[in-house]
Structures are given as structure tokens and as C-alpha cells.
C-alpha atoms as a PDB file:
ATOM      1  CA  UNK A   1      -8.014  42.719  48.775  1.00  0.00           C
ATOM      2  CA  UNK A   2      -7.811  45.393  46.168  1.00  0.00           C
ATOM      3  CA  UNK A   3      -9.799  48.608  46.432  1.00  0.00           C
ATOM      4  CA  UNK A   4     -11.183  48.082  42.919  1.00  0.00           C
ATOM      5  CA  UNK A   5     -13.404  45.281  44.197  1.00  0.00           C
ATOM      6  CA  UNK A   6     -13.256  41.500  43.860  1.00  0.00           C
ATOM      7  CA  UNK A   7     -11.329  40.002  40.973  1.00  0.00           C
ATOM      8  CA  UNK A   8     -13.573  39.216  37.958  1.00  0.00           C
ATOM      9  CA  UNK A   9     -14.103  35.498  37.361  1.00  0.00           C
ATOM     10  CA  UNK A  10     -15.864  33.457  34.715  1.00  0.00           C
ATOM     11  CA  UNK A  11     -16.968  29.852  34.385  1.00  0.00           C
ATOM     12  CA  UNK A  12     -15.053  27.435  32.152  1.00  0.00           C
ATOM     13  CA  UNK A  13     -17.484  26.029  29.584  1.00  0.00           C
ATOM     14  CA  UNK A  14     -15.709  22.619  29.616  1.00  0.00           C
ATOM     15  CA  UNK A  15     -15.310  21.820  33.317  1.00  0.00           C
ATOM     16  CA  UNK A  16     -17.681  24.411  34.916  1.00  0.00           C
ATOM     17  CA  UNK A  17     -15.012  25.644  37.360  1.00  0.00           C
ATOM     18  CA  UNK A  18     -14.511  29.314  38.251  1.00  0.00           C
ATOM     19  CA  UNK A  19     -11.415  30.748  36.537  1.00  0.00           C
ATOM     20  CA  UNK A  20      -9.945  34.257  36.035  1.00  0.00           C
ATOM     21  CA  UNK A  21     -11.796  36.271  33.392  1.00  0.00           C
ATOM     22  CA  UNK A  22      -8.625  36.963  31.390  1.00  0.00           C
ATOM     23  CA  UNK A  23      -7.659  33.259  31.143  1.00  0.00           C
ATOM     24  CA  UNK A  24      -7.278  31.870  27.620  1.00  0.00           C
ATOM     25  CA  UNK A  25      -6.533  28.374  28.931  1.00  0.00           C
ATOM     26  CA  UNK A  26      -8.414  26.763  31.811  1.00  0.00           C
ATOM     27  CA  UNK A  27      -5.874  25.937  34.543  1.00  0.00           C
ATOM     28  CA  UNK A  28      -7.934  22.953  35.665  1.00  0.00           C
ATOM     29  CA  UNK A  29      -9.026  21.077  32.492  1.00  0.00           C
ATOM     30  CA  UNK A  30      -6.345  22.573  30.164  1.00  0.00           C
ATOM     31  CA  UNK A  31      -8.880  23.430  27.427  1.00  0.00           C
ATOM     32  CA  UNK A  32      -8.403  26.501  25.271  1.00  0.00           C
ATOM     33  CA  UNK A  33     -11.194  28.988  25.889  1.00  0.00           C
ATOM     34  CA  UNK A  34     -10.769  31.189  22.821  1.00  0.00           C
ATOM     35  CA  UNK A  35     -12.760  30.491  19.677  1.00  0.00           C
ATOM     36  CA  UNK A  36      -9.735  30.392  17.365  1.00  0.00           C
ATOM     37  CA  UNK A  37      -8.146  27.360  18.999  1.00  0.00           C
ATOM     38  CA  UNK A  38      -7.516  23.959  17.425  1.00  0.00           C
ATOM     39  CA  UNK A  39      -9.055  22.409  20.530  1.00  0.00           C
ATOM     40  CA  UNK A  40     -12.322  24.104  19.677  1.00  0.00           C
ATOM     41  CA  UNK A  41     -14.331  21.324  17.951  1.00  0.00           C
ATOM     42  CA  UNK A  42     -15.605  23.604  15.189  1.00  0.00           C
ATOM     43  CA  UNK A  43     -12.121  24.914  14.329  1.00  0.00           C
ATOM     44  CA  UNK A  44     -10.698  21.379  14.529  1.00  0.00           C
ATOM     45  CA  UNK A  45     -13.278  20.129  12.044  1.00  0.00           C
ATOM     46  CA  UNK A  46     -12.883  23.078   9.659  1.00  0.00           C
ATOM     47  CA  UNK A  47      -9.089  23.056   9.507  1.00  0.00           C
ATOM     48  CA  UNK A  48      -8.036  19.462  10.229  1.00  0.00           C
ATOM     49  CA  UNK A  49     -10.779  16.855   9.984  1.00  0.00           C
ATOM     50  CA  UNK A  50     -12.683  18.523   7.125  1.00  0.00           C
ATOM     51  CA  UNK A  51      -9.737  18.691   4.673  1.00  0.00           C
ATOM     52  CA  UNK A  52      -8.660  15.175   5.635  1.00  0.00           C
ATOM     53  CA  UNK A  53     -12.149  13.837   4.902  1.00  0.00           C
ATOM     54  CA  UNK A  54     -12.202  15.734   1.585  1.00  0.00           C
ATOM     55  CA  UNK A  55      -8.855  14.219   0.533  1.00  0.00           C
ATOM     56  CA  UNK A  56      -9.974  10.730   1.534  1.00  0.00           C
ATOM     57  CA  UNK A  57     -13.218  11.200  -0.401  1.00  0.00           C
ATOM     58  CA  UNK A  58     -11.315  12.353  -3.485  1.00  0.00           C
ATOM     59  CA  UNK A  59      -8.989   9.348  -3.269  1.00  0.00           C
ATOM     60  CA  UNK A  60     -11.966   7.033  -2.868  1.00  0.00           C
ATOM     61  CA  UNK A  61     -13.827   8.606  -5.784  1.00  0.00           C
ATOM     62  CA  UNK A  62     -10.836   8.959  -8.139  1.00  0.00           C
ATOM     63  CA  UNK A  63      -8.428   6.570  -6.416  1.00  0.00           C
ATOM     64  CA  UNK A  64      -7.782   4.295  -9.388  1.00  0.00           C
ATOM     65  CA  UNK A  65      -6.222   7.183 -11.332  1.00  0.00           C
ATOM     66  CA  UNK A  66      -3.855   7.943  -8.423  1.00  0.00           C
ATOM     67  CA  UNK A  67      -3.036   4.359  -7.472  1.00  0.00           C
ATOM     68  CA  UNK A  68      -2.746   2.918 -10.972  1.00  0.00           C
ATOM     69  CA  UNK A  69      -3.067   5.542 -13.713  1.00  0.00           C
ATOM     70  CA  UNK A  70      -3.547   4.562 -17.350  1.00  0.00           C
ATOM     71  CA  UNK A  71      -2.201   2.861 -19.375  1.00  0.00           C
ATOM     72  CA  UNK A  72      -3.188  -0.402 -17.744  1.00  0.00           C
ATOM     73  CA  UNK A  73      -1.343  -3.672 -18.164  1.00  0.00           C
ATOM     74  CA  UNK A  74      -4.517  -5.318 -19.472  1.00  0.00           C
ATOM     75  CA  UNK A  75      -4.232  -3.030 -22.528  1.00  0.00           C
ATOM     76  CA  UNK A  76      -0.609  -4.133 -23.055  1.00  0.00           C
ATOM     77  CA  UNK A  77      -0.984  -7.877 -22.332  1.00  0.00           C
ATOM     78  CA  UNK A  78       2.164  -9.623 -23.474  1.00  0.00           C
ATOM     79  CA  UNK A  79       4.417  -6.579 -23.250  1.00  0.00           C
ATOM     80  CA  UNK A  80       6.248  -8.236 -20.356  1.00  0.00           C
ATOM     81  CA  UNK A  81       7.707 -11.501 -21.559  1.00  0.00           C
ATOM     82  CA  UNK A  82       9.752 -14.159 -19.855  1.00  0.00           C
ATOM     83  CA  UNK A  83      12.795 -14.933 -21.969  1.00  0.00           C
ATOM     84  CA  UNK A  84      14.064 -17.904 -20.012  1.00  0.00           C
ATOM     85  CA  UNK A  85      13.196 -19.585 -16.723  1.00  0.00           C
ATOM     86  CA  UNK A  86      14.375 -22.478 -14.533  1.00  0.00           C
ATOM     87  CA  UNK A  87      12.853 -24.453 -11.685  1.00  0.00           C
ATOM     88  CA  UNK A  88      15.209 -25.110  -8.728  1.00  0.00           C
ATOM     89  CA  UNK A  89      14.762 -26.944  -5.437  1.00  0.00           C
ATOM     90  CA  UNK A  90      16.348 -25.607  -2.255  1.00  0.00           C
ATOM     91  CA  UNK A  91      16.389 -27.229   1.160  1.00  0.00           C
ATOM     92  CA  UNK A  92      15.858 -24.702   3.947  1.00  0.00           C
ATOM     93  CA  UNK A  93      15.209 -24.879   7.666  1.00  0.00           C
ATOM     94  CA  UNK A  94      11.475 -24.725   6.867  1.00  0.00           C
ATOM     95  CA  UNK A  95      11.682 -27.660   4.453  1.00  0.00           C
ATOM     96  CA  UNK A  96      11.936 -27.766   0.675  1.00  0.00           C
ATOM     97  CA  UNK A  97      11.284 -24.597  -1.313  1.00  0.00           C
ATOM     98  CA  UNK A  98      10.757 -24.326  -5.026  1.00  0.00           C
ATOM     99  CA  UNK A  99      12.369 -21.369  -6.781  1.00  0.00           C
ATOM    100  CA  UNK A 100      11.516 -20.292 -10.302  1.00  0.00           C
ATOM    101  CA  UNK A 101      14.192 -17.952 -11.651  1.00  0.00           C
ATOM    102  CA  UNK A 102      14.556 -16.298 -15.001  1.00  0.00           C
ATOM    103  CA  UNK A 103      14.840 -13.208 -17.168  1.00  0.00           C
ATOM    104  CA  UNK A 104      11.927 -10.839 -17.778  1.00  0.00           C
ATOM    105  CA  UNK A 105      11.903  -8.297 -20.623  1.00  0.00           C
ATOM    106  CA  UNK A 106       9.734  -5.241 -21.216  1.00  0.00           C
ATOM    107  CA  UNK A 107       8.802  -4.888 -24.888  1.00  0.00           C
ATOM    108  CA  UNK A 108       6.616  -1.793 -24.445  1.00  0.00           C
ATOM    109  CA  UNK A 109       7.341   1.899 -23.967  1.00  0.00           C
ATOM    110  CA  UNK A 110       5.690   1.888 -20.528  1.00  0.00           C
ATOM    111  CA  UNK A 111       7.490   1.549 -17.191  1.00  0.00           C
ATOM    112  CA  UNK A 112       5.956  -1.392 -15.310  1.00  0.00           C
ATOM    113  CA  UNK A 113       6.344  -2.129 -11.618  1.00  0.00           C
ATOM    114  CA  UNK A 114       5.357  -4.958  -9.281  1.00  0.00           C
ATOM    115  CA  UNK A 115       4.804  -7.636 -11.931  1.00  0.00           C
ATOM    116  CA  UNK A 116       2.625 -10.513 -10.757  1.00  0.00           C
ATOM    117  CA  UNK A 117       3.934 -13.952 -11.676  1.00  0.00           C
ATOM    118  CA  UNK A 118       1.516 -16.829 -12.257  1.00  0.00           C
ATOM    119  CA  UNK A 119       3.204 -20.225 -11.877  1.00  0.00           C
ATOM    120  CA  UNK A 120       1.622 -23.557 -12.782  1.00  0.00           C
ATOM    121  CA  UNK A 121       3.322 -26.858 -12.017  1.00  0.00           C
ATOM    122  CA  UNK A 122       2.628 -30.195 -13.711  1.00  0.00           C
ATOM    123  CA  UNK A 123       3.382 -33.838 -12.953  1.00  0.00           C
ATOM    124  CA  UNK A 124       5.004 -36.209 -15.506  1.00  0.00           C
ATOM    125  CA  UNK A 125       1.554 -36.974 -16.992  1.00  0.00           C
ATOM    126  CA  UNK A 126       1.003 -33.260 -17.687  1.00  0.00           C
ATOM    127  CA  UNK A 127      -1.651 -32.821 -14.993  1.00  0.00           C
ATOM    128  CA  UNK A 128      -1.747 -29.633 -12.953  1.00  0.00           C
ATOM    129  CA  UNK A 129      -0.569 -30.382  -9.404  1.00  0.00           C
ATOM    130  CA  UNK A 130       0.222 -26.941  -7.956  1.00  0.00           C
ATOM    131  CA  UNK A 131      -0.240 -23.260  -8.770  1.00  0.00           C
ATOM    132  CA  UNK A 132       0.963 -20.026  -7.208  1.00  0.00           C
ATOM    133  CA  UNK A 133       0.682 -16.315  -7.828  1.00  0.00           C
ATOM    134  CA  UNK A 134       3.421 -14.074  -6.457  1.00  0.00           C
ATOM    135  CA  UNK A 135       3.980 -10.333  -6.740  1.00  0.00           C
ATOM    136  CA  UNK A 136       7.466  -8.959  -6.893  1.00  0.00           C
ATOM    137  CA  UNK A 137       8.667  -5.534  -5.914  1.00  0.00           C
ATOM    138  CA  UNK A 138      10.807  -4.254  -8.742  1.00  0.00           C
ATOM    139  CA  UNK A 139      10.410  -1.896 -11.674  1.00  0.00           C
ATOM    140  CA  UNK A 140      11.286  -2.724 -15.255  1.00  0.00           C
ATOM    141  CA  UNK A 141      12.024   0.071 -17.697  1.00  0.00           C
ATOM    142  CA  UNK A 142      10.993   0.115 -21.386  1.00  0.00           C
ATOM    143  CA  UNK A 143      13.199  -2.158 -23.489  1.00  0.00           C
ATOM    144  CA  UNK A 144      15.054  -3.447 -20.430  1.00  0.00           C
ATOM    145  CA  UNK A 145      15.602  -6.918 -19.026  1.00  0.00           C
ATOM    146  CA  UNK A 146      15.472  -7.917 -15.376  1.00  0.00           C
ATOM    147  CA  UNK A 147      16.209 -11.082 -13.448  1.00  0.00           C
ATOM    148  CA  UNK A 148      13.486 -12.439 -11.188  1.00  0.00           C
ATOM    149  CA  UNK A 149      13.015 -15.124  -8.571  1.00  0.00           C
ATOM    150  CA  UNK A 150       9.711 -16.508  -7.358  1.00  0.00           C
ATOM    151  CA  UNK A 151       9.623 -18.748  -4.288  1.00  0.00           C
ATOM    152  CA  UNK A 152       6.862 -21.290  -3.789  1.00  0.00           C
ATOM    153  CA  UNK A 153       6.165 -23.617  -0.877  1.00  0.00           C
ATOM    154  CA  UNK A 154       5.393 -26.912  -2.667  1.00  0.00           C
ATOM    155  CA  UNK A 155       2.031 -28.565  -2.107  1.00  0.00           C
ATOM    156  CA  UNK A 156       3.151 -32.087  -3.054  1.00  0.00           C
ATOM    157  CA  UNK A 157       6.385 -34.125  -3.065  1.00  0.00           C
ATOM    158  CA  UNK A 158       9.277 -32.806  -5.118  1.00  0.00           C
ATOM    159  CA  UNK A 159       9.324 -35.948  -7.287  1.00  0.00           C
ATOM    160  CA  UNK A 160       5.865 -35.045  -8.611  1.00  0.00           C
ATOM    161  CA  UNK A 161       7.032 -31.748 -10.163  1.00  0.00           C
ATOM    162  CA  UNK A 162       8.070 -32.466 -13.756  1.00  0.00           C
ATOM    163  CA  UNK A 163       7.439 -29.187 -15.585  1.00  0.00           C
ATOM    164  CA  UNK A 164       6.082 -25.695 -15.107  1.00  0.00           C
ATOM    165  CA  UNK A 165       4.690 -22.686 -16.950  1.00  0.00           C
ATOM    166  CA  UNK A 166       5.192 -19.132 -15.773  1.00  0.00           C
ATOM    167  CA  UNK A 167       3.524 -15.992 -17.090  1.00  0.00           C
ATOM    168  CA  UNK A 168       2.846 -12.405 -16.092  1.00  0.00           C
ATOM    169  CA  UNK A 169      -0.732 -11.909 -14.931  1.00  0.00           C
ATOM    170  CA  UNK A 170      -0.634  -8.225 -14.073  1.00  0.00           C
ATOM    171  CA  UNK A 171       1.653  -5.259 -13.458  1.00  0.00           C
ATOM    172  CA  UNK A 172       1.183  -1.684 -12.308  1.00  0.00           C
ATOM    173  CA  UNK A 173       1.988   1.456 -14.221  1.00  0.00           C
ATOM    174  CA  UNK A 174       5.311   2.889 -13.042  1.00  0.00           C
ATOM    175  CA  UNK A 175       3.742   6.355 -12.818  1.00  0.00           C
ATOM    176  CA  UNK A 176       1.393   5.335 -10.011  1.00  0.00           C
ATOM    177  CA  UNK A 177       1.714   7.303  -6.782  1.00  0.00           C
ATOM    178  CA  UNK A 178       1.932   4.358  -4.385  1.00  0.00           C
END
């Protein structure tokens, strides 16, 4: 023992064990004992959880402007046009698949991405027998053309498909963040 007296101890506020007074980290529960520690719940909230919640709140409140800023495709309906399209049948290991292929053109000055194709299929009598909506993951620049392919799992026999119509239902502004 030292002549200065017994070594000074303190109690850990997390595990209630006796530890050396100069300890900044409890050797038993491994919690930081200083106030300015990221393990301190108040500091954690102020510097990590608080800003994250603020960013999430801002995205929730103003998210549409970040995810799909103006101009919107609904204001430019018809700016994406399908120049030509074909309907093709392909036999795969999963059965028959119907592919609609064609050329898409952008007649606006806006960059559009992820166009959404709306396909309607008709029997020889002209009755609607199947419909599908598919998004694609490409970007089309102003004044440019792009090839596309939409795959559809048919709902009825292939002999019942006589004609089809395809159009663009929606697209996202190319300036969107995500």
C-alpha cells in the first residue's frame, strides 16, 4: 500500500461497479464515462440521431422536389412517343413470354428517365384480353431515340393475341436525385 492512502475509486454510473477515479472507460461494461462521448445518449442524439431525423423530416416534407423535381411528365404528356413497335413470342424455360419491342423518341427538351410502358392486348374481335404496365430503367435525352423491350407473361393462349397498343404512362425527370 502507498503512504498517500487508499487509491481513490468511483462508481460507474452504467454498471454500478467500483472503478479507478481517473478511468474514462469502465473496464467492466466498456461504457465511456466522460460527457463528450458518442456513447453518451445525449451526445448521440445531438450529433447523430438528431441530424438524421432532421434530414428524414426534410425529405418527407419536401421529398417530391428531391425525388422527382419539376417539370413533371404529366405537364409534357406526349413528349415521349413510340415510333414503331412489334409484338414477338419467345419460348423460355418458364413457358411462353410476350415481348413488345420498338423505338421510343423524346420530342421535348427535358431528359426523361424510367419511362413506364402501358401495354394493352386485344383478341381478333378487338376485345381487351390482357394488360400490363412495366417500368424500364433507361434515360432518354432530348431529341434522342432509344430502343426498348417490354416483357409480359401472357394471361391467355398465344393464339388469342391479335393486336396491341403501347403507350407511355409516366416518366421521371432526369434531374431527380434517386
